N, C-alpha and C. Protein backbone atom coordinates (compact mmCIF):
# COMPACT_ATOMS: atom_id res chain seq x y z
N MET A 1 -5.92 5.39 10.37
CA MET A 1 -4.98 5.49 9.35
C MET A 1 -6.01 6.14 8.03
N GLU A 2 -5.53 7.13 7.83
CA GLU A 2 -6.20 8.04 6.66
C GLU A 2 -5.50 7.56 5.41
N ILE A 3 -6.23 6.97 4.39
CA ILE A 3 -5.74 6.63 3.25
C ILE A 3 -6.06 7.65 2.11
N VAL A 4 -5.10 8.14 1.45
CA VAL A 4 -5.09 9.15 0.35
C VAL A 4 -4.43 8.65 -0.92
N ALA A 5 -5.37 8.35 -2.02
CA ALA A 5 -5.12 7.57 -3.28
C ALA A 5 -5.43 8.94 -4.28
N THR A 6 -4.33 8.73 -5.42
CA THR A 6 -4.42 9.59 -6.46
C THR A 6 -5.46 8.72 -7.19
N SER A 7 -6.15 9.43 -8.20
CA SER A 7 -7.22 8.86 -9.05
C SER A 7 -6.56 7.56 -9.88
N ASP A 8 -5.46 7.90 -10.40
CA ASP A 8 -4.62 6.60 -11.03
C ASP A 8 -4.59 5.52 -10.27
N ALA A 9 -4.07 5.69 -9.01
CA ALA A 9 -3.85 4.56 -7.95
C ALA A 9 -5.31 3.85 -7.71
N LYS A 10 -6.17 4.69 -7.61
CA LYS A 10 -7.46 4.08 -7.21
C LYS A 10 -7.97 3.24 -8.43
N LYS A 11 -7.83 3.62 -9.78
CA LYS A 11 -8.13 2.98 -10.74
C LYS A 11 -7.35 1.66 -11.20
N LEU A 12 -6.26 1.65 -10.76
CA LEU A 12 -5.22 0.61 -11.10
C LEU A 12 -5.72 -0.51 -9.86
N ILE A 13 -5.65 -0.13 -8.74
CA ILE A 13 -6.14 -1.14 -7.54
C ILE A 13 -7.63 -1.82 -8.00
N ARG A 14 -8.48 -1.19 -8.25
CA ARG A 14 -9.86 -1.65 -8.59
C ARG A 14 -9.66 -2.44 -9.94
N ALA A 15 -8.84 -2.04 -10.91
CA ALA A 15 -8.56 -2.85 -11.93
C ALA A 15 -7.81 -4.09 -11.73
N ARG A 16 -7.08 -4.34 -10.65
CA ARG A 16 -6.39 -5.53 -10.15
C ARG A 16 -7.06 -6.13 -9.13
N GLY A 17 -8.50 -6.25 -9.13
CA GLY A 17 -8.99 -6.87 -8.12
C GLY A 17 -9.74 -6.15 -6.87
N GLY A 18 -9.34 -4.74 -6.82
CA GLY A 18 -9.75 -4.14 -5.63
C GLY A 18 -9.17 -4.36 -4.32
N MET A 19 -8.00 -5.04 -4.16
CA MET A 19 -7.20 -5.19 -2.88
C MET A 19 -5.92 -4.66 -2.83
N LEU A 20 -5.38 -4.13 -2.05
CA LEU A 20 -3.76 -3.69 -2.19
C LEU A 20 -3.26 -3.96 -0.72
N PHE A 21 -2.08 -4.95 -0.94
CA PHE A 21 -1.41 -5.27 0.47
C PHE A 21 -0.26 -4.34 0.63
N VAL A 22 -0.07 -3.91 1.80
CA VAL A 22 0.97 -3.04 2.30
C VAL A 22 1.74 -3.24 3.36
N TRP A 23 3.22 -3.63 3.40
CA TRP A 23 4.06 -3.93 4.53
C TRP A 23 5.26 -3.24 4.44
N ILE A 24 5.89 -3.18 5.61
CA ILE A 24 7.03 -2.58 5.82
C ILE A 24 8.49 -3.48 5.41
N GLU A 25 9.34 -3.12 4.60
CA GLU A 25 10.25 -3.92 4.58
C GLU A 25 11.83 -3.33 4.70
N ALA A 26 12.88 -3.83 5.00
CA ALA A 26 13.98 -3.36 5.54
C ALA A 26 14.67 -3.12 4.17
N GLY A 27 15.43 -1.96 4.21
CA GLY A 27 16.37 -1.55 3.21
C GLY A 27 17.87 -1.33 3.38
N MET A 28 18.54 -0.68 2.87
CA MET A 28 20.00 -0.30 3.10
C MET A 28 20.16 0.63 4.21
N ARG A 29 21.01 0.39 4.97
CA ARG A 29 21.55 1.39 6.12
C ARG A 29 20.24 1.62 6.91
N GLY A 30 19.71 0.79 7.30
CA GLY A 30 18.48 0.54 8.31
C GLY A 30 17.35 1.50 8.05
N LEU A 31 17.00 1.98 6.94
CA LEU A 31 15.92 2.20 6.30
C LEU A 31 14.74 1.37 6.06
N ARG A 32 13.72 1.68 6.21
CA ARG A 32 12.58 1.07 5.96
C ARG A 32 11.51 1.47 4.96
N PHE A 33 11.00 0.56 4.13
CA PHE A 33 10.23 1.17 3.10
C PHE A 33 8.93 0.25 2.93
N LEU A 34 7.91 1.02 2.62
CA LEU A 34 6.75 0.32 2.37
C LEU A 34 6.61 -0.20 0.90
N ARG A 35 6.09 -1.69 0.97
CA ARG A 35 6.17 -2.18 -0.27
C ARG A 35 4.70 -2.67 -0.52
N THR A 36 4.03 -2.72 -1.38
CA THR A 36 2.85 -3.02 -1.93
C THR A 36 2.69 -4.16 -3.06
N SER A 37 1.53 -4.52 -3.06
CA SER A 37 1.30 -5.65 -4.06
C SER A 37 -0.50 -6.04 -4.00
N THR A 38 -0.90 -6.21 -5.21
CA THR A 38 -2.13 -6.58 -5.42
C THR A 38 -2.66 -7.92 -5.54
N GLU A 39 -1.43 -8.73 -5.16
CA GLU A 39 -1.53 -10.14 -4.92
C GLU A 39 -1.53 -10.77 -3.56
N PRO A 40 -2.51 -11.42 -2.86
CA PRO A 40 -2.61 -11.67 -1.65
C PRO A 40 -1.29 -12.67 -1.25
N PRO A 41 -0.78 -12.51 -0.14
CA PRO A 41 0.44 -13.31 0.47
C PRO A 41 -0.12 -14.65 1.05
N PRO A 42 0.64 -15.41 1.22
CA PRO A 42 0.35 -16.74 1.65
C PRO A 42 -0.63 -16.45 3.00
N ASP A 43 -0.19 -15.64 3.86
CA ASP A 43 -0.62 -15.61 5.34
C ASP A 43 -1.77 -14.35 5.18
N ALA A 44 -2.38 -14.11 4.13
CA ALA A 44 -3.16 -13.08 4.09
C ALA A 44 -4.44 -13.00 4.86
N LEU A 45 -5.17 -14.02 5.34
CA LEU A 45 -6.22 -14.38 6.15
C LEU A 45 -5.93 -13.38 7.47
N SER A 46 -4.60 -13.48 8.14
CA SER A 46 -4.57 -12.81 9.19
C SER A 46 -4.20 -11.44 9.15
N TRP A 47 -4.03 -10.78 7.91
CA TRP A 47 -3.69 -9.47 7.78
C TRP A 47 -5.16 -8.56 8.12
N GLU A 48 -4.84 -7.36 8.73
CA GLU A 48 -5.69 -6.44 9.09
C GLU A 48 -6.41 -5.76 7.68
N ARG A 49 -7.67 -5.51 7.70
CA ARG A 49 -8.47 -4.87 6.71
C ARG A 49 -8.96 -3.46 6.88
N THR A 50 -8.57 -2.65 5.93
CA THR A 50 -9.03 -1.15 6.08
C THR A 50 -9.96 -0.91 4.83
N GLU A 51 -11.18 -0.70 5.01
CA GLU A 51 -12.05 -0.09 3.81
C GLU A 51 -12.12 0.87 3.63
N THR A 52 -11.80 1.57 2.29
CA THR A 52 -11.53 2.94 1.95
C THR A 52 -13.08 3.42 1.35
N GLU A 53 -13.00 4.73 1.37
CA GLU A 53 -14.31 5.63 0.71
C GLU A 53 -14.35 5.13 -0.84
N GLU A 54 -13.14 4.97 -1.36
CA GLU A 54 -12.70 5.01 -2.85
C GLU A 54 -13.10 3.54 -3.40
N GLY A 55 -13.66 2.46 -2.49
CA GLY A 55 -14.05 1.25 -3.14
C GLY A 55 -13.00 0.19 -3.10
N PHE A 56 -11.91 0.23 -2.54
CA PHE A 56 -10.90 -0.90 -2.30
C PHE A 56 -10.60 -1.02 -1.03
N LEU A 57 -10.15 -2.39 -0.87
CA LEU A 57 -9.58 -2.61 0.76
C LEU A 57 -7.92 -2.51 0.67
N VAL A 58 -7.60 -2.21 1.92
CA VAL A 58 -5.95 -1.96 1.98
C VAL A 58 -6.19 -2.91 2.93
N PHE A 59 -4.91 -4.01 3.00
CA PHE A 59 -4.57 -4.72 4.12
C PHE A 59 -3.17 -4.82 4.58
N THR A 60 -2.75 -4.87 5.86
CA THR A 60 -1.72 -4.60 6.50
C THR A 60 -1.46 -5.79 7.58
N PRO A 61 -0.11 -6.27 7.76
CA PRO A 61 0.51 -7.11 8.68
C PRO A 61 -0.23 -6.94 9.88
N PRO A 62 -0.91 -7.89 10.77
CA PRO A 62 -1.35 -7.67 11.87
C PRO A 62 -0.63 -6.70 12.92
N LYS A 63 0.64 -6.81 13.41
CA LYS A 63 1.23 -5.89 14.10
C LYS A 63 2.11 -4.76 13.66
N MET A 64 1.80 -4.49 12.30
CA MET A 64 2.41 -3.27 11.57
C MET A 64 1.80 -2.11 12.47
N ARG A 65 2.57 -1.27 12.65
CA ARG A 65 2.41 0.20 13.21
C ARG A 65 1.71 0.87 11.93
N LYS A 66 0.80 1.71 11.99
CA LYS A 66 0.31 2.19 11.02
C LYS A 66 0.58 4.09 10.98
N PRO A 67 0.64 4.18 9.70
CA PRO A 67 1.04 5.86 9.59
C PRO A 67 -0.42 6.57 9.85
N ARG A 68 -0.21 7.61 9.98
CA ARG A 68 -1.38 8.64 10.10
C ARG A 68 -1.95 8.96 8.77
N THR A 69 -1.14 9.08 8.00
CA THR A 69 -1.88 8.78 6.42
C THR A 69 -0.86 8.10 5.65
N LEU A 70 -1.54 7.14 4.76
CA LEU A 70 -1.36 6.33 3.64
C LEU A 70 -1.41 6.94 2.45
N GLY A 71 -0.23 7.34 1.80
CA GLY A 71 -0.54 8.08 0.41
C GLY A 71 -0.28 6.81 -0.67
N LEU A 72 -1.14 6.64 -1.68
CA LEU A 72 -0.74 5.82 -2.62
C LEU A 72 -1.04 6.46 -4.08
N GLU A 73 0.35 6.08 -4.86
CA GLU A 73 0.34 6.79 -6.33
C GLU A 73 0.74 5.75 -7.22
N VAL A 74 0.54 5.85 -8.48
CA VAL A 74 1.07 5.16 -9.28
C VAL A 74 2.70 5.44 -9.86
N ARG A 75 3.14 4.42 -10.09
CA ARG A 75 4.75 4.67 -10.55
C ARG A 75 5.05 3.74 -11.64
N GLY A 76 5.85 4.05 -12.63
CA GLY A 76 6.28 3.26 -13.65
C GLY A 76 5.72 3.60 -14.99
N PHE A 77 6.26 2.73 -15.87
CA PHE A 77 5.93 3.08 -17.43
C PHE A 77 5.20 2.07 -18.27
N MET A 78 4.19 2.72 -18.70
CA MET A 78 3.27 1.56 -19.63
C MET A 78 2.88 0.39 -19.04
N THR A 79 3.35 -0.76 -19.25
CA THR A 79 2.77 -2.16 -18.74
C THR A 79 3.57 -2.37 -17.26
N LYS A 80 4.40 -1.57 -16.61
CA LYS A 80 5.19 -1.75 -15.52
C LYS A 80 4.66 -0.80 -14.49
N LEU A 81 3.17 -0.79 -14.56
CA LEU A 81 2.80 0.27 -13.32
C LEU A 81 2.64 -0.57 -12.08
N ARG A 82 3.10 0.26 -11.23
CA ARG A 82 2.99 -0.28 -9.47
C ARG A 82 2.51 0.78 -8.82
N ILE A 83 1.86 0.20 -7.59
CA ILE A 83 1.63 1.28 -6.50
C ILE A 83 2.58 1.63 -5.79
N ASN A 84 3.00 2.83 -5.39
CA ASN A 84 3.80 3.30 -4.62
C ASN A 84 3.16 3.84 -3.24
N ALA A 85 3.61 3.23 -2.35
CA ALA A 85 3.02 3.72 -0.84
C ALA A 85 4.01 4.96 -0.19
N LEU A 86 3.45 5.77 0.53
CA LEU A 86 4.02 6.85 1.36
C LEU A 86 3.69 6.71 2.78
N TRP A 87 4.39 6.92 3.54
CA TRP A 87 4.15 6.88 5.02
C TRP A 87 4.35 8.28 5.38
N ASN A 88 3.14 8.95 5.55
CA ASN A 88 2.82 10.24 6.10
C ASN A 88 3.61 11.34 5.19
N GLY A 89 3.58 10.91 3.82
CA GLY A 89 4.32 11.58 2.75
C GLY A 89 5.41 11.27 2.57
N CYS A 90 6.33 10.20 3.31
CA CYS A 90 7.70 10.13 3.27
C CYS A 90 7.91 8.75 2.41
N ALA A 91 8.90 8.54 1.52
CA ALA A 91 9.11 7.38 0.67
C ALA A 91 9.54 6.48 1.66
N PHE A 92 10.06 6.80 2.90
CA PHE A 92 10.52 5.63 3.97
C PHE A 92 9.67 5.70 5.34
N VAL A 93 9.81 4.66 5.96
CA VAL A 93 9.02 4.68 7.20
C VAL A 93 9.83 5.43 8.42
N VAL A 94 9.19 6.12 8.94
CA VAL A 94 9.71 7.03 10.23
C VAL A 94 8.97 6.90 11.35
């Protein structure tokens, strides 16, 4: 899995501890979306770790199928900044 992060995403992830947790969540009409958090989930010890060249770690659930490219960007305004993940450039999992 190649991880491509914008400079703003790299800065935000590092500022929030240097770890990003990424998982798939079911949405409406059968679509599945990537969700992210810099806070570890209760079962974080079983998640798979990917080290990036940018100086942060990305964790995914153990049985999650990985995209070829995981894009990371910052969304939101002022204090409600969040990391948005893209599956091979798409906003939903294909």
